[in-house]
Amino acid sequence: MAGQDVELTFVRQAADDMRDAMQGSSELFARQDSIEAQWRVVDAVPGNVTPLYSYRPGSWGPEKAYQLIGKHGPLA
């Protein structure tokens, strides 16, 4: 594989978002079904949050943690 030099030309055009929206330009705007699909993914996150459990400083952690480690607890 060998690369070759190419000339890169930039062209900056003034944005006319309102005109593009009226003409139906899809380059700058997302479709509604795409936005709704993204929200279905993101909207589920806040309802599926792991609860926070309080515990004393210097302890082995919250009491709820003992259910996870069972007979192999910190003092076993």
PDB file of N, CA and C in Angstrom:
ATOM      1  N   MET A   1       0.845  -1.184   0.000  1.00  0.00           N
ATOM      2  CA  MET A   1       0.000   0.000   0.000  1.00  0.00           C
ATOM      3  C   MET A   1       0.881   1.235   0.000  1.00  0.00           C
ATOM      4  N   ALA A   2       0.552   2.138  -0.852  1.00  0.00           N
ATOM      5  CA  ALA A   2       1.281   3.396  -0.918  1.00  0.00           C
ATOM      6  C   ALA A   2       0.277   4.521  -1.115  1.00  0.00           C
ATOM      7  N   GLY A   3       0.431   5.542  -0.314  1.00  0.00           N
ATOM      8  CA  GLY A   3      -0.458   6.690  -0.434  1.00  0.00           C
ATOM      9  C   GLY A   3       0.047   7.659  -1.480  1.00  0.00           C
ATOM     10  N   GLN A   4      -0.783   8.587  -1.839  1.00  0.00           N
ATOM     11  CA  GLN A   4      -0.357   9.638  -2.766  1.00  0.00           C
ATOM     12  C   GLN A   4      -0.939  10.966  -2.307  1.00  0.00           C
ATOM     13  N   ASP A   5      -0.229  12.015  -2.594  1.00  0.00           N
ATOM     14  CA  ASP A   5      -0.676  13.351  -2.218  1.00  0.00           C
ATOM     15  C   ASP A   5      -1.847  13.768  -3.100  1.00  0.00           C
ATOM     16  N   VAL A   6      -2.831  14.394  -2.458  1.00  0.00           N
ATOM     17  CA  VAL A   6      -3.963  14.955  -3.193  1.00  0.00           C
ATOM     18  C   VAL A   6      -4.222  16.352  -2.670  1.00  0.00           C
ATOM     19  N   GLU A   7      -4.815  17.176  -3.489  1.00  0.00           N
ATOM     20  CA  GLU A   7      -5.146  18.540  -3.082  1.00  0.00           C
ATOM     21  C   GLU A   7      -6.536  18.539  -2.478  1.00  0.00           C
ATOM     22  N   LEU A   8      -6.642  19.135  -1.297  1.00  0.00           N
ATOM     23  CA  LEU A   8      -7.917  19.206  -0.600  1.00  0.00           C
ATOM     24  C   LEU A   8      -8.421  20.632  -0.673  1.00  0.00           C
ATOM     25  N   THR A   9      -9.638  20.802  -1.161  1.00  0.00           N
ATOM     26  CA  THR A   9     -10.215  22.127  -1.315  1.00  0.00           C
ATOM     27  C   THR A   9     -11.440  22.246  -0.415  1.00  0.00           C
ATOM     28  N   PHE A  10     -11.465  23.292   0.380  1.00  0.00           N
ATOM     29  CA  PHE A  10     -12.604  23.547   1.259  1.00  0.00           C
ATOM     30  C   PHE A  10     -13.457  24.644   0.654  1.00  0.00           C
ATOM     31  N   VAL A  11     -14.764  24.429   0.712  1.00  0.00           N
ATOM     32  CA  VAL A  11     -15.699  25.451   0.260  1.00  0.00           C
ATOM     33  C   VAL A  11     -16.679  25.679   1.398  1.00  0.00           C
ATOM     34  N   ARG A  12     -16.760  26.897   1.857  1.00  0.00           N
ATOM     35  CA  ARG A  12     -17.685  27.214   2.943  1.00  0.00           C
ATOM     36  C   ARG A  12     -18.851  27.985   2.364  1.00  0.00           C
ATOM     37  N   GLN A  13     -20.045  27.427   2.597  1.00  0.00           N
ATOM     38  CA  GLN A  13     -21.244  28.088   2.109  1.00  0.00           C
ATOM     39  C   GLN A  13     -22.044  28.592   3.294  1.00  0.00           C
ATOM     40  N   ALA A  14     -22.671  29.718   3.119  1.00  0.00           N
ATOM     41  CA  ALA A  14     -23.503  30.270   4.186  1.00  0.00           C
ATOM     42  C   ALA A  14     -24.696  29.355   4.410  1.00  0.00           C
ATOM     43  N   ALA A  15     -24.979  29.073   5.668  1.00  0.00           N
ATOM     44  CA  ALA A  15     -26.109  28.199   5.999  1.00  0.00           C
ATOM     45  C   ALA A  15     -27.405  28.977   5.905  1.00  0.00           C
ATOM     46  N   ASP A  16     -28.376  28.371   5.318  1.00  0.00           N
ATOM     47  CA  ASP A  16     -29.714  28.952   5.248  1.00  0.00           C
ATOM     48  C   ASP A  16     -30.673  27.872   5.729  1.00  0.00           C
ATOM     49  N   ASP A  17     -30.624  27.618   7.048  1.00  0.00           N
ATOM     50  CA  ASP A  17     -31.354  26.499   7.627  1.00  0.00           C
ATOM     51  C   ASP A  17     -32.850  26.542   7.337  1.00  0.00           C
ATOM     52  N   MET A  18     -33.441  27.719   7.386  1.00  0.00           N
ATOM     53  CA  MET A  18     -34.882  27.815   7.178  1.00  0.00           C
ATOM     54  C   MET A  18     -35.237  27.406   5.752  1.00  0.00           C
ATOM     55  N   ARG A  19     -34.473  27.881   4.777  1.00  0.00           N
ATOM     56  CA  ARG A  19     -34.742  27.517   3.392  1.00  0.00           C
ATOM     57  C   ARG A  19     -34.527  26.024   3.184  1.00  0.00           C
ATOM     58  N   ASP A  20     -33.454  25.468   3.775  1.00  0.00           N
ATOM     59  CA  ASP A  20     -33.182  24.048   3.641  1.00  0.00           C
ATOM     60  C   ASP A  20     -34.310  23.219   4.244  1.00  0.00           C
ATOM     61  N   ALA A  21     -34.844  23.666   5.364  1.00  0.00           N
ATOM     62  CA  ALA A  21     -35.945  22.944   6.003  1.00  0.00           C
ATOM     63  C   ALA A  21     -37.193  22.986   5.122  1.00  0.00           C
ATOM     64  N   MET A  22     -37.469  24.135   4.546  1.00  0.00           N
ATOM     65  CA  MET A  22     -38.655  24.279   3.707  1.00  0.00           C
ATOM     66  C   MET A  22     -38.540  23.445   2.430  1.00  0.00           C
ATOM     67  N   GLN A  23     -37.320  23.290   1.928  1.00  0.00           N
ATOM     68  CA  GLN A  23     -37.114  22.523   0.695  1.00  0.00           C
ATOM     69  C   GLN A  23     -36.952  21.029   0.983  1.00  0.00           C
ATOM     70  N   GLY A  24     -36.954  20.656   2.240  1.00  0.00           N
ATOM     71  CA  GLY A  24     -36.871  19.249   2.599  1.00  0.00           C
ATOM     72  C   GLY A  24     -35.476  18.670   2.524  1.00  0.00           C
ATOM     73  N   SER A  25     -34.451  19.485   2.699  1.00  0.00           N
ATOM     74  CA  SER A  25     -33.079  18.996   2.689  1.00  0.00           C
ATOM     75  C   SER A  25     -32.873  18.076   3.888  1.00  0.00           C
ATOM     76  N   SER A  26     -32.491  16.834   3.631  1.00  0.00           N
ATOM     77  CA  SER A  26     -32.330  15.885   4.729  1.00  0.00           C
ATOM     78  C   SER A  26     -30.909  15.867   5.284  1.00  0.00           C
ATOM     79  N   GLU A  27     -30.016  16.641   4.725  1.00  0.00           N
ATOM     80  CA  GLU A  27     -28.623  16.647   5.173  1.00  0.00           C
ATOM     81  C   GLU A  27     -28.460  17.263   6.557  1.00  0.00           C
ATOM     82  N   LEU A  28     -29.285  18.225   6.903  1.00  0.00           N
ATOM     83  CA  LEU A  28     -29.125  18.946   8.160  1.00  0.00           C
ATOM     84  C   LEU A  28     -30.156  18.562   9.217  1.00  0.00           C
ATOM     85  N   PHE A  29     -31.118  17.744   8.856  1.00  0.00           N
ATOM     86  CA  PHE A  29     -32.223  17.473   9.759  1.00  0.00           C
ATOM     87  C   PHE A  29     -32.470  15.974   9.872  1.00  0.00           C
ATOM     88  N   ALA A  30     -32.741  15.519  11.077  1.00  0.00           N
ATOM     89  CA  ALA A  30     -33.038  14.106  11.307  1.00  0.00           C
ATOM     90  C   ALA A  30     -34.526  13.852  11.079  1.00  0.00           C
ATOM     91  N   ARG A  31     -34.849  12.646  10.638  1.00  0.00           N
ATOM     92  CA  ARG A  31     -36.247  12.277  10.452  1.00  0.00           C
ATOM     93  C   ARG A  31     -36.890  12.015  11.800  1.00  0.00           C
ATOM     94  N   GLN A  32     -38.188  12.224  11.868  1.00  0.00           N
ATOM     95  CA  GLN A  32     -38.915  12.066  13.123  1.00  0.00           C
ATOM     96  C   GLN A  32     -38.831  10.638  13.652  1.00  0.00           C
ATOM     97  N   ASP A  33     -38.944   9.629  12.785  1.00  0.00           N
ATOM     98  CA  ASP A  33     -38.891   8.254  13.262  1.00  0.00           C
ATOM     99  C   ASP A  33     -37.523   7.918  13.844  1.00  0.00           C
ATOM    100  N   SER A  34     -36.481   8.543  13.312  1.00  0.00           N
ATOM    101  CA  SER A  34     -35.134   8.337  13.845  1.00  0.00           C
ATOM    102  C   SER A  34     -35.006   8.940  15.248  1.00  0.00           C
ATOM    103  N   ILE A  35     -35.535  10.124  15.429  1.00  0.00           N
ATOM    104  CA  ILE A  35     -35.496  10.793  16.733  1.00  0.00           C
ATOM    105  C   ILE A  35     -36.298   9.992  17.757  1.00  0.00           C
ATOM    106  N   GLU A  36     -37.471   9.505  17.367  1.00  0.00           N
ATOM    107  CA  GLU A  36     -38.297   8.728  18.283  1.00  0.00           C
ATOM    108  C   GLU A  36     -37.616   7.420  18.681  1.00  0.00           C
ATOM    109  N   ALA A  37     -36.913   6.788  17.761  1.00  0.00           N
ATOM    110  CA  ALA A  37     -36.182   5.553  18.072  1.00  0.00           C
ATOM    111  C   ALA A  37     -35.058   5.831  19.065  1.00  0.00           C
ATOM    112  N   GLN A  38     -34.375   6.959  18.905  1.00  0.00           N
ATOM    113  CA  GLN A  38     -33.312   7.325  19.839  1.00  0.00           C
ATOM    114  C   GLN A  38     -33.883   7.579  21.228  1.00  0.00           C
ATOM    115  N   TRP A  39     -35.027   8.242  21.315  1.00  0.00           N
ATOM    116  CA  TRP A  39     -35.630   8.510  22.618  1.00  0.00           C
ATOM    117  C   TRP A  39     -36.100   7.231  23.293  1.00  0.00           C
ATOM    118  N   ARG A  40     -36.546   6.221  22.511  1.00  0.00           N
ATOM    119  CA  ARG A  40     -36.960   4.951  23.117  1.00  0.00           C
ATOM    120  C   ARG A  40     -35.790   4.307  23.852  1.00  0.00           C
ATOM    121  N   VAL A  41     -34.589   4.452  23.321  1.00  0.00           N
ATOM    122  CA  VAL A  41     -33.402   3.889  23.973  1.00  0.00           C
ATOM    123  C   VAL A  41     -33.038   4.700  25.211  1.00  0.00           C
ATOM    124  N   VAL A  42     -32.965   6.010  25.066  1.00  0.00           N
ATOM    125  CA  VAL A  42     -32.522   6.886  26.145  1.00  0.00           C
ATOM    126  C   VAL A  42     -33.562   6.973  27.258  1.00  0.00           C
ATOM    127  N   ASP A  43     -34.831   6.982  26.903  1.00  0.00           N
ATOM    128  CA  ASP A  43     -35.892   7.156  27.886  1.00  0.00           C
ATOM    129  C   ASP A  43     -35.956   5.999  28.879  1.00  0.00           C
ATOM    130  N   ALA A  44     -35.501   4.829  28.495  1.00  0.00           N
ATOM    131  CA  ALA A  44     -35.541   3.674  29.381  1.00  0.00           C
ATOM    132  C   ALA A  44     -34.470   3.744  30.471  1.00  0.00           C
ATOM    133  N   VAL A  45     -33.450   4.531  30.272  1.00  0.00           N
ATOM    134  CA  VAL A  45     -32.323   4.583  31.216  1.00  0.00           C
ATOM    135  C   VAL A  45     -32.722   5.117  32.591  1.00  0.00           C
ATOM    136  N   PRO A  46     -33.386   6.270  32.721  1.00  0.00           N
ATOM    137  CA  PRO A  46     -33.706   6.779  34.059  1.00  0.00           C
ATOM    138  C   PRO A  46     -34.577   5.835  34.884  1.00  0.00           C
ATOM    139  N   GLY A  47     -35.420   5.016  34.250  1.00  0.00           N
ATOM    140  CA  GLY A  47     -36.281   4.114  34.984  1.00  0.00           C
ATOM    141  C   GLY A  47     -35.580   2.832  35.402  1.00  0.00           C
ATOM    142  N   ASN A  48     -34.363   2.625  34.946  1.00  0.00           N
ATOM    143  CA  ASN A  48     -33.655   1.379  35.226  1.00  0.00           C
ATOM    144  C   ASN A  48     -32.355   1.675  35.974  1.00  0.00           C
ATOM    145  N   VAL A  49     -32.438   2.511  36.997  1.00  0.00           N
ATOM    146  CA  VAL A  49     -31.260   2.941  37.740  1.00  0.00           C
ATOM    147  C   VAL A  49     -31.077   2.056  38.971  1.00  0.00           C
ATOM    148  N   THR A  50     -29.869   1.653  39.220  1.00  0.00           N
ATOM    149  CA  THR A  50     -29.564   0.876  40.410  1.00  0.00           C
ATOM    150  C   THR A  50     -29.703   1.776  41.632  1.00  0.00           C
ATOM    151  N   PRO A  51     -30.438   1.323  42.672  1.00  0.00           N
ATOM    152  CA  PRO A  51     -30.614   2.175  43.850  1.00  0.00           C
ATOM    153  C   PRO A  51     -29.305   2.329  44.626  1.00  0.00           C
ATOM    154  N   LEU A  52     -29.208   3.416  45.365  1.00  0.00           N
ATOM    155  CA  LEU A  52     -28.055   3.654  46.225  1.00  0.00           C
ATOM    156  C   LEU A  52     -28.383   3.149  47.632  1.00  0.00           C
ATOM    157  N   TYR A  53     -27.425   2.505  48.254  1.00  0.00           N
ATOM    158  CA  TYR A  53     -27.602   1.997  49.606  1.00  0.00           C
ATOM    159  C   TYR A  53     -26.611   2.687  50.533  1.00  0.00           C
ATOM    160  N   SER A  54     -27.105   3.155  51.661  1.00  0.00           N
ATOM    161  CA  SER A  54     -26.248   3.814  52.646  1.00  0.00           C
ATOM    162  C   SER A  54     -25.598   2.776  53.544  1.00  0.00           C
ATOM    163  N   TYR A  55     -24.420   3.093  54.063  1.00  0.00           N
ATOM    164  CA  TYR A  55     -23.748   2.221  55.034  1.00  0.00           C
ATOM    165  C   TYR A  55     -22.777   3.053  55.854  1.00  0.00           C
ATOM    166  N   ARG A  56     -22.431   2.520  57.028  1.00  0.00           N
ATOM    167  CA  ARG A  56     -21.532   3.231  57.939  1.00  0.00           C
ATOM    168  C   ARG A  56     -20.120   3.290  57.356  1.00  0.00           C
ATOM    169  N   PRO A  57     -19.464   4.421  57.479  1.00  0.00           N
ATOM    170  CA  PRO A  57     -18.059   4.489  57.085  1.00  0.00           C
ATOM    171  C   PRO A  57     -17.237   3.491  57.892  1.00  0.00           C
ATOM    172  N   GLY A  58     -16.321   2.806  57.272  1.00  0.00           N
ATOM    173  CA  GLY A  58     -15.473   1.827  57.948  1.00  0.00           C
ATOM    174  C   GLY A  58     -16.083   0.445  58.010  1.00  0.00           C
ATOM    175  N   SER A  59     -17.355   0.315  57.578  1.00  0.00           N
ATOM    176  CA  SER A  59     -18.000  -1.005  57.601  1.00  0.00           C
ATOM    177  C   SER A  59     -17.677  -1.748  56.301  1.00  0.00           C
ATOM    178  N   TRP A  60     -18.212  -2.973  56.190  1.00  0.00           N
ATOM    179  CA  TRP A  60     -17.990  -3.777  54.989  1.00  0.00           C
ATOM    180  C   TRP A  60     -18.948  -3.406  53.866  1.00  0.00           C
ATOM    181  N   GLY A  61     -19.791  -2.427  54.069  1.00  0.00           N
ATOM    182  CA  GLY A  61     -20.726  -1.999  53.026  1.00  0.00           C
ATOM    183  C   GLY A  61     -22.160  -2.144  53.474  1.00  0.00           C
ATOM    184  N   PRO A  62     -23.091  -1.880  52.594  1.00  0.00           N
ATOM    185  CA  PRO A  62     -24.506  -1.939  52.962  1.00  0.00           C
ATOM    186  C   PRO A  62     -24.956  -3.372  53.233  1.00  0.00           C
ATOM    187  N   GLU A  63     -25.978  -3.522  54.056  1.00  0.00           N
ATOM    188  CA  GLU A  63     -26.519  -4.839  54.389  1.00  0.00           C
ATOM    189  C   GLU A  63     -26.973  -5.588  53.136  1.00  0.00           C
ATOM    190  N   LYS A  64     -27.460  -4.878  52.162  1.00  0.00           N
ATOM    191  CA  LYS A  64     -27.943  -5.489  50.929  1.00  0.00           C
ATOM    192  C   LYS A  64     -26.816  -6.260  50.218  1.00  0.00           C
ATOM    193  N   ALA A  65     -25.572  -5.867  50.422  1.00  0.00           N
ATOM    194  CA  ALA A  65     -24.443  -6.536  49.779  1.00  0.00           C
ATOM    195  C   ALA A  65     -24.268  -7.956  50.288  1.00  0.00           C
ATOM    196  N   TYR A  66     -24.675  -8.219  51.518  1.00  0.00           N
ATOM    197  CA  TYR A  66     -24.537  -9.562  52.080  1.00  0.00           C
ATOM    198  C   TYR A  66     -25.381 -10.581  51.313  1.00  0.00           C
ATOM    199  N   GLN A  67     -26.467 -10.127  50.708  1.00  0.00           N
ATOM    200  CA  GLN A  67     -27.292 -11.032  49.900  1.00  0.00           C
ATOM    201  C   GLN A  67     -26.527 -11.497  48.667  1.00  0.00           C
ATOM    202  N   LEU A  68     -25.643 -10.685  48.162  1.00  0.00           N
ATOM    203  CA  LEU A  68     -24.860 -11.043  46.977  1.00  0.00           C
ATOM    204  C   LEU A  68     -23.743 -12.025  47.290  1.00  0.00           C
ATOM    205  N   ILE A  69     -23.110 -11.866  48.440  1.00  0.00           N
ATOM    206  CA  ILE A  69     -21.946 -12.693  48.733  1.00  0.00           C
ATOM    207  C   ILE A  69     -22.272 -13.917  49.578  1.00  0.00           C
ATOM    208  N   GLY A  70     -23.504 -13.958  50.131  1.00  0.00           N
ATOM    209  CA  GLY A  70     -23.977 -15.120  50.853  1.00  0.00           C
ATOM    210  C   GLY A  70     -23.010 -15.644  51.893  1.00  0.00           C
ATOM    211  N   LYS A  71     -22.771 -16.958  51.885  1.00  0.00           N
ATOM    212  CA  LYS A  71     -21.939 -17.584  52.904  1.00  0.00           C
ATOM    213  C   LYS A  71     -20.453 -17.242  52.747  1.00  0.00           C
ATOM    214  N   HIS A  72     -20.095 -16.592  51.645  1.00  0.00           N
ATOM    215  CA  HIS A  72     -18.701 -16.199  51.416  1.00  0.00           C
ATOM    216  C   HIS A  72     -18.478 -14.759  51.861  1.00  0.00           C
ATOM    217  N   GLY A  73     -19.203 -14.315  52.850  1.00  0.00           N
ATOM    218  CA  GLY A  73     -19.158 -12.944  53.330  1.00  0.00           C
ATOM    219  C   GLY A  73     -17.785 -12.465  53.717  1.00  0.00           C
ATOM    220  N   PRO A  74     -17.666 -11.200  54.073  1.00  0.00           N
ATOM    221  CA  PRO A  74     -16.361 -10.603  54.368  1.00  0.00           C
ATOM    222  C   PRO A  74     -15.694 -11.203  55.591  1.00  0.00           C
ATOM    223  N   LEU A  75     -16.462 -11.808  56.457  1.00  0.00           N
ATOM    224  CA  LEU A  75     -15.867 -12.377  57.666  1.00  0.00           C
ATOM    225  C   LEU A  75     -15.723 -13.890  57.564  1.00  0.00           C
ATOM    226  N   ALA A  76     -16.032 -14.480  56.410  1.00  0.00           N
ATOM    227  CA  ALA A  76     -15.962 -15.933  56.252  1.00  0.00           C
ATOM    228  C   ALA A  76     -14.523 -16.411  56.183  1.00  0.00           C
TER     229      ALA A  76
END
